[in-house]
Structures are given as structure tokens and as C-alpha cells.
Amino acid sequence: MPDAIAASTEANTELKERVRQFWQAHPCGSKFSDAEIGTREFFDRVERHRYEKEWHIPLAADFAATKGLRVLEIGCGVGTDGLQFARAGAIYTGVDLTEAAIDLARSNFASAGLRGEFRVADAEQLDFPDETFDVVYSHGVLHHTPDIQAALREVHRVLKPGGRALVMLYHRGSYNYQIGIRVLRRAGAGLLRSESGIKIVNRLTGEPIDSLREHAASLRNAQGRFSSAELLNQSTDGAGNPLARVYSRREARDLFRNFREVDLRAYFLNKRFIPLIGNLLPRSIEAALASRWGWHLWVYAKK
């Protein structure tokens, strides 16, 4: 048994390092701006893209309700959401696994004239005293860590009694996963074998040509076929992503079983995988469909 535990720990450490290297090379959100990286224009374009594409975030996160509260963001990326907490008057701390993200987040806050504390940290081993924060926020991050249960124990530990956790996880029951990834992406993999096929996928989905070429290269390295787990990894945050997981509502509730109140809400319909009519849907219908089949499963948990 000790040998098995040691082997599992070593495997998790190796996997986490691969996760760190991927995000070190691809800071979250940076691919959505073509301005010079680190400039105010760069950060503004990242922010504009984020809230145009994921327009539900300000509503779901309720940044305005955090005035005067101590907020910890796990996986702060370039600081886009963090900036909204700080603008609302929160006492903000952002942590990330990578130096690249922390450097950019600091620059983002500095160029916006806002204050925040930043540090490189592992979500599974946070360097904060017990009961430090009123709110712990993590958007699309914890499904990338090898031991999510360890990370959620840390979330619970650093929250004050009555404090709130807001955590977004990828949703197993979503249209994006069940149809977009498991059916359409697997079926479309054959088209990525040729440049003409890549252009067809680009026209059908709007996914950038460069991104599709990266996926094609990953597919070639996998001898033309991904396992289900690898297909999920490659279909979420870019070619080469080493780890992503999805959770059902039941699984999410079980992960948060140590919290005394848990509420779940689904958001974000990935309209690229809804042929012809996806981009024509009014927000009211989009939101209604997303509440059942959304790709982003938000967990609201109170300690």
C-alpha cells in the first residue's frame, strides 16, 4: 500500500508539472488579444472578449456584492475577473500556478491603477492561515488540478465561517460535452487530416485556423485517435492541454459535501456547436437552454 501511495503521489506531481508548463506557455485569456502582450490595450481586449463571449459572468459572479470583503481567486490568469472584484471594492488576492500569469496579473492591476496581492501558489496547498477569506472564487481552474478534493479542502479551510465559495467546473451534462466534444469533435477529427478539411471546420465552427492546425498536429502525434479522456483534454483549453475533467451535478455536490449549503447553476451555451442557428439565438433563449445544458457548472457553497 505505501508503494501504491508513493506511485500515485509521484504521478500527480508529474502531471501537475505538465499542467504548470502548459499554462505557463498559454496564460489564460492571452490568446484572445492580438495587442502587444502586457500593454493596457492587451488587457482591455482580453476583457472585452471575455465578457462579450461569456456575458453571464458579471451576473453569476456578482462582483458588486464583494465590496469590503476579502476575496481570494484561485487561478487568477491575467487578472481579468480579479480586476472586477477590485473595482467593486473587494480586498483582492490572486494566486496562480504559473509565474507567467502572476506577472501579467500584476501588470494588469498596475496599469489600471488598482491594488491587489498576488502570489504563485498550488491550489492543493495554499499558503494562507485558516479562516482568512470571505469569498473564494475559482473560474474554470480546479478541473485542471490532479487532486481536486485536496484543493477543495483548502478552499474550505481558508474560508471564514459563513464564507462563500464560487467555483466553476466543466459540466458533464452539457450540450458542449455530450454533443460538441463526444460527437462532433470526434467526427470532425478526420477533417483535420488535410488543410482543406481544416478550412471546412473553420467555416463551420469559427475556430481559428492556427488552433485547428495545432489540434491536427496533436492528432497526428496520437496516431489519429484520441481516447475519451484525451479528447476532452484537447477539446477544452487548446491543443496540448494535459488535463481537464467534467462533473455531473451529483458529482459536484459530492465534491462540496463538507459545505453546509450548496447551490448549482449552469451557464454558457457554446453556440459554435449549434449549426446555423447558434449565433441567432436571443440571450433569453440562450440563457434558458444554458440553465439546463450549459457548459459551465457554477457551484455556490457556504461554509
Foldseek 3Di string as FASTA:
>chain_A
DVVVVVVVVVVLVVLVVLLQVVCQVPQPQQVQAPPDQLDLNSLVSSLVVCCVQFVCVCVQVVLLVQADWEEEEERCGLPNVVVSNQVSHHAYEYEYQYPNRQVNVVSNCVVVVTDHHYDYDDLLDDPDQFQAGQEYEYEAPLQQRPCSLSSVVVVNGNHHAQGKYKYKAFACQACCNPDVQPPVVQVLLVLLCDLVSLVVLCVLQVPDSVQSVLVSVLCVVVVNDDDSQVSVQCPPRGRSRSGGDHDHPVRVCVSQVVFPDKDKFFAGDSLSRVTPCSVVDDPVVRGVSRRRRHRIIIIMTTD
